[in-house]
């Protein structure tokens, strides 16, 4: 957010793993993912941008030999957010 940058504000992110989306645990169309709160909290992989981010997170994780979770947390941290 540009206002955050110009005002020098930080952001504390809730659930930087996207309710499982950024972990790669539940890819588009797969069953088993929690859809709590009418789908308002857990975001689906329903856009080309989200799919691209997830593909990138998974590719980096595979290259480094780790799971996607730490990559997603670091990504959130490098975009001005403090993950909790």
PDB file of N, CA and C in Angstrom:
ATOM      1  N   UNK A   1       0.847  -1.175   0.000  1.00  0.00           N
ATOM      2  CA  UNK A   1       0.000   0.000   0.000  1.00  0.00           C
ATOM      3  C   UNK A   1       0.897   1.246   0.000  1.00  0.00           C
ATOM      4  N   UNK A   2       0.644   2.156  -0.882  1.00  0.00           N
ATOM      5  CA  UNK A   2       1.503   3.336  -0.991  1.00  0.00           C
ATOM      6  C   UNK A   2       1.406   4.229   0.239  1.00  0.00           C
ATOM      7  N   UNK A   3       0.247   4.298   0.861  1.00  0.00           N
ATOM      8  CA  UNK A   3       0.097   5.119   2.069  1.00  0.00           C
ATOM      9  C   UNK A   3       1.004   4.590   3.176  1.00  0.00           C
ATOM     10  N   UNK A   4       1.083   3.289   3.316  1.00  0.00           N
ATOM     11  CA  UNK A   4       1.944   2.686   4.326  1.00  0.00           C
ATOM     12  C   UNK A   4       3.382   3.120   4.100  1.00  0.00           C
ATOM     13  N   UNK A   5       3.815   3.095   2.869  1.00  0.00           N
ATOM     14  CA  UNK A   5       5.202   3.470   2.553  1.00  0.00           C
ATOM     15  C   UNK A   5       5.462   4.952   2.820  1.00  0.00           C
ATOM     16  N   UNK A   6       4.572   5.817   2.367  1.00  0.00           N
ATOM     17  CA  UNK A   6       4.800   7.256   2.532  1.00  0.00           C
ATOM     18  C   UNK A   6       4.683   7.704   3.982  1.00  0.00           C
ATOM     19  N   UNK A   7       3.891   7.011   4.763  1.00  0.00           N
ATOM     20  CA  UNK A   7       3.717   7.356   6.171  1.00  0.00           C
ATOM     21  C   UNK A   7       4.707   6.621   7.075  1.00  0.00           C
ATOM     22  N   UNK A   8       5.466   5.685   6.504  1.00  0.00           N
ATOM     23  CA  UNK A   8       6.433   4.928   7.292  1.00  0.00           C
ATOM     24  C   UNK A   8       5.789   3.946   8.254  1.00  0.00           C
ATOM     25  N   UNK A   9       4.619   3.457   7.892  1.00  0.00           N
ATOM     26  CA  UNK A   9       3.892   2.531   8.751  1.00  0.00           C
ATOM     27  C   UNK A   9       4.231   1.085   8.419  1.00  0.00           C
ATOM     28  N   UNK A  10       4.176   0.239   9.423  1.00  0.00           N
ATOM     29  CA  UNK A  10       4.350  -1.193   9.223  1.00  0.00           C
ATOM     30  C   UNK A  10       3.005  -1.890   9.245  1.00  0.00           C
ATOM     31  N   UNK A  11       2.990  -3.098   8.762  1.00  0.00           N
ATOM     32  CA  UNK A  11       1.770  -3.897   8.743  1.00  0.00           C
ATOM     33  C   UNK A  11       2.070  -5.224   9.418  1.00  0.00           C
ATOM     34  N   UNK A  12       1.173  -5.642  10.294  1.00  0.00           N
ATOM     35  CA  UNK A  12       1.268  -6.964  10.901  1.00  0.00           C
ATOM     36  C   UNK A  12       0.260  -7.837  10.172  1.00  0.00           C
ATOM     37  N   UNK A  13       0.752  -8.870   9.505  1.00  0.00           N
ATOM     38  CA  UNK A  13      -0.136  -9.726   8.721  1.00  0.00           C
ATOM     39  C   UNK A  13      -0.625 -10.896   9.552  1.00  0.00           C
ATOM     40  N   UNK A  14      -1.886 -11.193   9.403  1.00  0.00           N
ATOM     41  CA  UNK A  14      -2.456 -12.360  10.038  1.00  0.00           C
ATOM     42  C   UNK A  14      -2.498 -13.469   8.995  1.00  0.00           C
ATOM     43  N   UNK A  15      -2.007 -14.615   9.356  1.00  0.00           N
ATOM     44  CA  UNK A  15      -2.039 -15.792   8.497  1.00  0.00           C
ATOM     45  C   UNK A  15      -1.305 -15.571   7.174  1.00  0.00           C
ATOM     46  N   UNK A  16       0.002 -15.301   7.227  1.00  0.00           N
ATOM     47  CA  UNK A  16       0.745 -15.075   5.989  1.00  0.00           C
ATOM     48  C   UNK A  16       0.788 -16.301   5.081  1.00  0.00           C
ATOM     49  N   UNK A  17       0.400 -17.442   5.598  1.00  0.00           N
ATOM     50  CA  UNK A  17       0.366 -18.636   4.761  1.00  0.00           C
ATOM     51  C   UNK A  17      -0.962 -18.759   4.026  1.00  0.00           C
ATOM     52  N   UNK A  18      -1.797 -17.738   4.154  1.00  0.00           N
ATOM     53  CA  UNK A  18      -3.033 -17.681   3.378  1.00  0.00           C
ATOM     54  C   UNK A  18      -4.001 -18.799   3.693  1.00  0.00           C
ATOM     55  N   UNK A  19      -4.078 -19.212   4.956  1.00  0.00           N
ATOM     56  CA  UNK A  19      -4.991 -20.294   5.309  1.00  0.00           C
ATOM     57  C   UNK A  19      -4.651 -21.578   4.585  1.00  0.00           C
ATOM     58  N   UNK A  20      -3.401 -21.744   4.223  1.00  0.00           N
ATOM     59  CA  UNK A  20      -2.959 -22.942   3.518  1.00  0.00           C
ATOM     60  C   UNK A  20      -2.655 -22.705   2.049  1.00  0.00           C
ATOM     61  N   UNK A  21      -3.144 -21.604   1.488  1.00  0.00           N
ATOM     62  CA  UNK A  21      -2.944 -21.379   0.055  1.00  0.00           C
ATOM     63  C   UNK A  21      -1.469 -21.262  -0.306  1.00  0.00           C
ATOM     64  N   UNK A  22      -0.713 -20.459   0.438  1.00  0.00           N
ATOM     65  CA  UNK A  22       0.693 -20.259   0.087  1.00  0.00           C
ATOM     66  C   UNK A  22       1.593 -21.438   0.440  1.00  0.00           C
ATOM     67  N   UNK A  23       1.054 -22.435   1.115  1.00  0.00           N
ATOM     68  CA  UNK A  23       1.853 -23.620   1.423  1.00  0.00           C
ATOM     69  C   UNK A  23       1.842 -24.609   0.270  1.00  0.00           C
ATOM     70  N   UNK A  24       0.909 -24.444  -0.652  1.00  0.00           N
ATOM     71  CA  UNK A  24       0.775 -25.391  -1.749  1.00  0.00           C
ATOM     72  C   UNK A  24      -0.010 -26.623  -1.356  1.00  0.00           C
ATOM     73  N   UNK A  25      -0.504 -26.645  -0.122  1.00  0.00           N
ATOM     74  CA  UNK A  25      -1.227 -27.817   0.373  1.00  0.00           C
ATOM     75  C   UNK A  25      -2.497 -28.070  -0.422  1.00  0.00           C
ATOM     76  N   UNK A  26      -3.187 -27.018  -0.771  1.00  0.00           N
ATOM     77  CA  UNK A  26      -4.445 -27.154  -1.502  1.00  0.00           C
ATOM     78  C   UNK A  26      -4.360 -26.365  -2.800  1.00  0.00           C
ATOM     79  N   UNK A  27      -4.064 -27.051  -3.877  1.00  0.00           N
ATOM     80  CA  UNK A  27      -4.004 -26.393  -5.177  1.00  0.00           C
ATOM     81  C   UNK A  27      -5.403 -26.184  -5.719  1.00  0.00           C
ATOM     82  N   UNK A  28      -5.505 -25.376  -6.727  1.00  0.00           N
ATOM     83  CA  UNK A  28      -6.784 -25.034  -7.339  1.00  0.00           C
ATOM     84  C   UNK A  28      -7.568 -26.307  -7.686  1.00  0.00           C
ATOM     85  N   UNK A  29      -8.788 -26.361  -7.197  1.00  0.00           N
ATOM     86  CA  UNK A  29      -9.668 -27.475  -7.519  1.00  0.00           C
ATOM     87  C   UNK A  29      -9.551 -28.679  -6.608  1.00  0.00           C
ATOM     88  N   UNK A  30      -8.562 -28.724  -5.736  1.00  0.00           N
ATOM     89  CA  UNK A  30      -8.415 -29.871  -4.847  1.00  0.00           C
ATOM     90  C   UNK A  30      -9.376 -29.758  -3.682  1.00  0.00           C
ATOM     91  N   UNK A  31      -9.769 -30.899  -3.148  1.00  0.00           N
ATOM     92  CA  UNK A  31     -10.731 -30.959  -2.048  1.00  0.00           C
ATOM     93  C   UNK A  31     -10.013 -30.992  -0.708  1.00  0.00           C
ATOM     94  N   UNK A  32     -10.745 -30.635   0.357  1.00  0.00           N
ATOM     95  CA  UNK A  32     -10.233 -30.780   1.702  1.00  0.00           C
ATOM     96  C   UNK A  32      -9.849 -29.486   2.387  1.00  0.00           C
ATOM     97  N   UNK A  33      -9.810 -28.415   1.677  1.00  0.00           N
ATOM     98  CA  UNK A  33      -9.412 -27.128   2.263  1.00  0.00           C
ATOM     99  C   UNK A  33     -10.564 -26.521   3.044  1.00  0.00           C
ATOM    100  N   UNK A  34     -10.268 -26.020   4.223  1.00  0.00           N
ATOM    101  CA  UNK A  34     -11.297 -25.381   5.044  1.00  0.00           C
ATOM    102  C   UNK A  34     -11.840 -24.145   4.340  1.00  0.00           C
ATOM    103  N   UNK A  35     -13.122 -23.971   4.386  1.00  0.00           N
ATOM    104  CA  UNK A  35     -13.758 -22.815   3.745  1.00  0.00           C
ATOM    105  C   UNK A  35     -14.503 -21.975   4.775  1.00  0.00           C
ATOM    106  N   UNK A  36     -14.013 -21.909   5.992  1.00  0.00           N
ATOM    107  CA  UNK A  36     -14.690 -21.250   7.103  1.00  0.00           C
ATOM    108  C   UNK A  36     -15.110 -19.814   6.847  1.00  0.00           C
ATOM    109  N   UNK A  37     -16.064 -19.375   7.637  1.00  0.00           N
ATOM    110  CA  UNK A  37     -16.573 -18.003   7.615  1.00  0.00           C
ATOM    111  C   UNK A  37     -17.081 -17.595   6.238  1.00  0.00           C
ATOM    112  N   UNK A  38     -17.757 -18.495   5.581  1.00  0.00           N
ATOM    113  CA  UNK A  38     -18.335 -18.182   4.278  1.00  0.00           C
ATOM    114  C   UNK A  38     -17.307 -17.878   3.212  1.00  0.00           C
ATOM    115  N   UNK A  39     -16.088 -18.389   3.377  1.00  0.00           N
ATOM    116  CA  UNK A  39     -15.035 -18.169   2.400  1.00  0.00           C
ATOM    117  C   UNK A  39     -14.386 -16.805   2.495  1.00  0.00           C
ATOM    118  N   UNK A  40     -14.721 -16.027   3.524  1.00  0.00           N
ATOM    119  CA  UNK A  40     -14.188 -14.675   3.633  1.00  0.00           C
ATOM    120  C   UNK A  40     -12.804 -14.628   4.267  1.00  0.00           C
ATOM    121  N   UNK A  41     -12.436 -15.659   5.007  1.00  0.00           N
ATOM    122  CA  UNK A  41     -11.127 -15.672   5.657  1.00  0.00           C
ATOM    123  C   UNK A  41     -10.125 -16.454   4.831  1.00  0.00           C
ATOM    124  N   UNK A  42     -10.506 -17.617   4.387  1.00  0.00           N
ATOM    125  CA  UNK A  42      -9.603 -18.481   3.640  1.00  0.00           C
ATOM    126  C   UNK A  42      -9.782 -18.213   2.154  1.00  0.00           C
ATOM    127  N   UNK A  43      -8.795 -17.625   1.545  1.00  0.00           N
ATOM    128  CA  UNK A  43      -8.909 -17.216   0.152  1.00  0.00           C
ATOM    129  C   UNK A  43      -8.545 -18.364  -0.787  1.00  0.00           C
ATOM    130  N   UNK A  44      -9.352 -18.603  -1.798  1.00  0.00           N
ATOM    131  CA  UNK A  44      -9.040 -19.658  -2.750  1.00  0.00           C
ATOM    132  C   UNK A  44      -7.996 -19.199  -3.767  1.00  0.00           C
ATOM    133  N   UNK A  45      -7.414 -20.160  -4.422  1.00  0.00           N
ATOM    134  CA  UNK A  45      -6.482 -19.866  -5.521  1.00  0.00           C
ATOM    135  C   UNK A  45      -7.340 -19.668  -6.765  1.00  0.00           C
ATOM    136  N   UNK A  46      -7.942 -18.491  -6.877  1.00  0.00           N
ATOM    137  CA  UNK A  46      -8.936 -18.273  -7.922  1.00  0.00           C
ATOM    138  C   UNK A  46      -8.555 -17.176  -8.910  1.00  0.00           C
ATOM    139  N   UNK A  47      -7.285 -16.880  -8.996  1.00  0.00           N
ATOM    140  CA  UNK A  47      -6.878 -15.858  -9.957  1.00  0.00           C
ATOM    141  C   UNK A  47      -5.507 -16.218 -10.523  1.00  0.00           C
ATOM    142  N   UNK A  48      -5.227 -15.689 -11.678  1.00  0.00           N
ATOM    143  CA  UNK A  48      -3.934 -15.944 -12.312  1.00  0.00           C
ATOM    144  C   UNK A  48      -2.798 -15.415 -11.447  1.00  0.00           C
ATOM    145  N   UNK A  49      -3.015 -14.271 -10.775  1.00  0.00           N
ATOM    146  CA  UNK A  49      -1.969 -13.694  -9.927  1.00  0.00           C
ATOM    147  C   UNK A  49      -1.655 -14.620  -8.759  1.00  0.00           C
ATOM    148  N   UNK A  50      -2.679 -15.140  -8.091  1.00  0.00           N
ATOM    149  CA  UNK A  50      -2.444 -16.051  -6.962  1.00  0.00           C
ATOM    150  C   UNK A  50      -1.762 -17.329  -7.428  1.00  0.00           C
ATOM    151  N   UNK A  51      -2.183 -17.847  -8.571  1.00  0.00           N
ATOM    152  CA  UNK A  51      -1.555 -19.053  -9.102  1.00  0.00           C
ATOM    153  C   UNK A  51      -0.087 -18.790  -9.403  1.00  0.00           C
ATOM    154  N   UNK A  52       0.230 -17.633  -9.977  1.00  0.00           N
ATOM    155  CA  UNK A  52       1.615 -17.289 -10.291  1.00  0.00           C
ATOM    156  C   UNK A  52       2.449 -17.163  -9.018  1.00  0.00           C
ATOM    157  N   UNK A  53       1.912 -16.503  -7.994  1.00  0.00           N
ATOM    158  CA  UNK A  53       2.633 -16.371  -6.722  1.00  0.00           C
ATOM    159  C   UNK A  53       2.877 -17.743  -6.118  1.00  0.00           C
ATOM    160  N   UNK A  54       1.849 -18.581  -6.089  1.00  0.00           N
ATOM    161  CA  UNK A  54       1.989 -19.914  -5.510  1.00  0.00           C
ATOM    162  C   UNK A  54       2.988 -20.758  -6.296  1.00  0.00           C
ATOM    163  N   UNK A  55       2.925 -20.721  -7.615  1.00  0.00           N
ATOM    164  CA  UNK A  55       3.892 -21.461  -8.436  1.00  0.00           C
ATOM    165  C   UNK A  55       5.318 -21.009  -8.138  1.00  0.00           C
ATOM    166  N   UNK A  56       5.516 -19.703  -7.973  1.00  0.00           N
ATOM    167  CA  UNK A  56       6.843 -19.166  -7.675  1.00  0.00           C
ATOM    168  C   UNK A  56       7.317 -19.603  -6.301  1.00  0.00           C
ATOM    169  N   UNK A  57       6.438 -19.518  -5.301  1.00  0.00           N
ATOM    170  CA  UNK A  57       6.785 -19.945  -3.940  1.00  0.00           C
ATOM    171  C   UNK A  57       7.193 -21.416  -3.941  1.00  0.00           C
ATOM    172  N   UNK A  58       6.422 -22.261  -4.612  1.00  0.00           N
ATOM    173  CA  UNK A  58       6.719 -23.697  -4.657  1.00  0.00           C
ATOM    174  C   UNK A  58       8.030 -23.960  -5.390  1.00  0.00           C
ATOM    175  N   UNK A  59       8.272 -23.262  -6.501  1.00  0.00           N
ATOM    176  CA  UNK A  59       9.513 -23.460  -7.261  1.00  0.00           C
ATOM    177  C   UNK A  59      10.740 -23.084  -6.436  1.00  0.00           C
ATOM    178  N   UNK A  60      10.676 -21.966  -5.727  1.00  0.00           N
ATOM    179  CA  UNK A  60      11.802 -21.547  -4.881  1.00  0.00           C
ATOM    180  C   UNK A  60      12.029 -22.560  -3.771  1.00  0.00           C
ATOM    181  N   UNK A  61      10.945 -23.017  -3.155  1.00  0.00           N
ATOM    182  CA  UNK A  61      11.058 -24.006  -2.079  1.00  0.00           C
ATOM    183  C   UNK A  61      11.711 -25.292  -2.581  1.00  0.00           C
ATOM    184  N   UNK A  62      11.286 -25.766  -3.748  1.00  0.00           N
ATOM    185  CA  UNK A  62      11.873 -26.983  -4.316  1.00  0.00           C
ATOM    186  C   UNK A  62      13.355 -26.788  -4.607  1.00  0.00           C
ATOM    187  N   UNK A  63      13.708 -25.626  -5.145  1.00  0.00           N
ATOM    188  CA  UNK A  63      15.109 -25.327  -5.454  1.00  0.00           C
ATOM    189  C   UNK A  63      15.974 -25.342  -4.199  1.00  0.00           C
ATOM    190  N   UNK A  64      15.411 -24.859  -3.087  1.00  0.00           N
ATOM    191  CA  UNK A  64      16.161 -24.790  -1.832  1.00  0.00           C
ATOM    192  C   UNK A  64      16.025 -26.049  -0.981  1.00  0.00           C
ATOM    193  N   UNK A  65      15.150 -26.953  -1.390  1.00  0.00           N
ATOM    194  CA  UNK A  65      14.957 -28.187  -0.642  1.00  0.00           C
ATOM    195  C   UNK A  65      14.201 -27.999   0.663  1.00  0.00           C
ATOM    196  N   UNK A  66      13.279 -27.040   0.678  1.00  0.00           N
ATOM    197  CA  UNK A  66      12.466 -26.783   1.872  1.00  0.00           C
ATOM    198  C   UNK A  66      10.987 -26.806   1.476  1.00  0.00           C
ATOM    199  N   UNK A  67      10.123 -26.736   2.476  1.00  0.00           N
ATOM    200  CA  UNK A  67       8.692 -26.651   2.190  1.00  0.00           C
ATOM    201  C   UNK A  67       8.345 -25.217   1.783  1.00  0.00           C
ATOM    202  N   UNK A  68       7.191 -25.012   1.166  1.00  0.00           N
ATOM    203  CA  UNK A  68       6.795 -23.659   0.779  1.00  0.00           C
ATOM    204  C   UNK A  68       6.534 -22.711   1.953  1.00  0.00           C
ATOM    205  N   UNK A  69       6.237 -23.235   3.130  1.00  0.00           N
ATOM    206  CA  UNK A  69       5.869 -22.383   4.270  1.00  0.00           C
ATOM    207  C   UNK A  69       6.909 -21.322   4.618  1.00  0.00           C
ATOM    208  N   UNK A  70       8.189 -21.678   4.829  1.00  0.00           N
ATOM    209  CA  UNK A  70       9.150 -20.620   5.173  1.00  0.00           C
ATOM    210  C   UNK A  70       9.362 -19.613   4.045  1.00  0.00           C
ATOM    211  N   UNK A  71       9.230 -20.048   2.813  1.00  0.00           N
ATOM    212  CA  UNK A  71       9.374 -19.127   1.680  1.00  0.00           C
ATOM    213  C   UNK A  71       8.241 -18.100   1.719  1.00  0.00           C
ATOM    214  N   UNK A  72       7.025 -18.559   1.994  1.00  0.00           N
ATOM    215  CA  UNK A  72       5.874 -17.657   2.063  1.00  0.00           C
ATOM    216  C   UNK A  72       6.032 -16.647   3.191  1.00  0.00           C
ATOM    217  N   UNK A  73       6.538 -17.087   4.334  1.00  0.00           N
ATOM    218  CA  UNK A  73       6.723 -16.178   5.470  1.00  0.00           C
ATOM    219  C   UNK A  73       7.786 -15.127   5.158  1.00  0.00           C
ATOM    220  N   UNK A  74       8.885 -15.546   4.551  1.00  0.00           N
ATOM    221  CA  UNK A  74       9.937 -14.593   4.172  1.00  0.00           C
ATOM    222  C   UNK A  74       9.402 -13.612   3.127  1.00  0.00           C
ATOM    223  N   UNK A  75       8.631 -14.111   2.165  1.00  0.00           N
ATOM    224  CA  UNK A  75       8.058 -13.248   1.132  1.00  0.00           C
ATOM    225  C   UNK A  75       7.201 -12.162   1.775  1.00  0.00           C
ATOM    226  N   UNK A  76       6.354 -12.544   2.735  1.00  0.00           N
ATOM    227  CA  UNK A  76       5.510 -11.556   3.419  1.00  0.00           C
ATOM    228  C   UNK A  76       6.381 -10.526   4.137  1.00  0.00           C
ATOM    229  N   UNK A  77       7.451 -10.984   4.779  1.00  0.00           N
ATOM    230  CA  UNK A  77       8.344 -10.080   5.500  1.00  0.00           C
ATOM    231  C   UNK A  77       9.081  -9.106   4.604  1.00  0.00           C
ATOM    232  N   UNK A  78       9.400  -9.525   3.388  1.00  0.00           N
ATOM    233  CA  UNK A  78      10.124  -8.641   2.475  1.00  0.00           C
ATOM    234  C   UNK A  78       9.206  -7.647   1.769  1.00  0.00           C
ATOM    235  N   UNK A  79       7.910  -7.783   1.974  1.00  0.00           N
ATOM    236  CA  UNK A  79       6.953  -6.857   1.375  1.00  0.00           C
ATOM    237  C   UNK A  79       6.371  -5.908   2.421  1.00  0.00           C
ATOM    238  N   UNK A  80       7.159  -5.630   3.471  1.00  0.00           N
ATOM    239  CA  UNK A  80       6.768  -4.634   4.459  1.00  0.00           C
ATOM    240  C   UNK A  80       5.813  -5.115   5.523  1.00  0.00           C
ATOM    241  N   UNK A  81       5.646  -6.430   5.642  1.00  0.00           N
ATOM    242  CA  UNK A  81       4.723  -6.966   6.638  1.00  0.00           C
ATOM    243  C   UNK A  81       5.488  -7.735   7.700  1.00  0.00           C
ATOM    244  N   UNK A  82       4.952  -7.757   8.905  1.00  0.00           N
ATOM    245  CA  UNK A  82       5.515  -8.552   9.989  1.00  0.00           C
ATOM    246  C   UNK A  82       4.554  -9.706  10.220  1.00  0.00           C
ATOM    247  N   UNK A  83       4.911 -10.920   9.775  1.00  0.00           N
ATOM    248  CA  UNK A  83       3.988 -12.051   9.913  1.00  0.00           C
ATOM    249  C   UNK A  83       3.832 -12.498  11.359  1.00  0.00           C
ATOM    250  N   UNK A  84       2.586 -12.809  11.736  1.00  0.00           N
ATOM    251  CA  UNK A  84       2.331 -13.388  13.059  1.00  0.00           C
ATOM    252  C   UNK A  84       1.635 -14.714  12.898  1.00  0.00           C
TER     253      UNK A  84
END
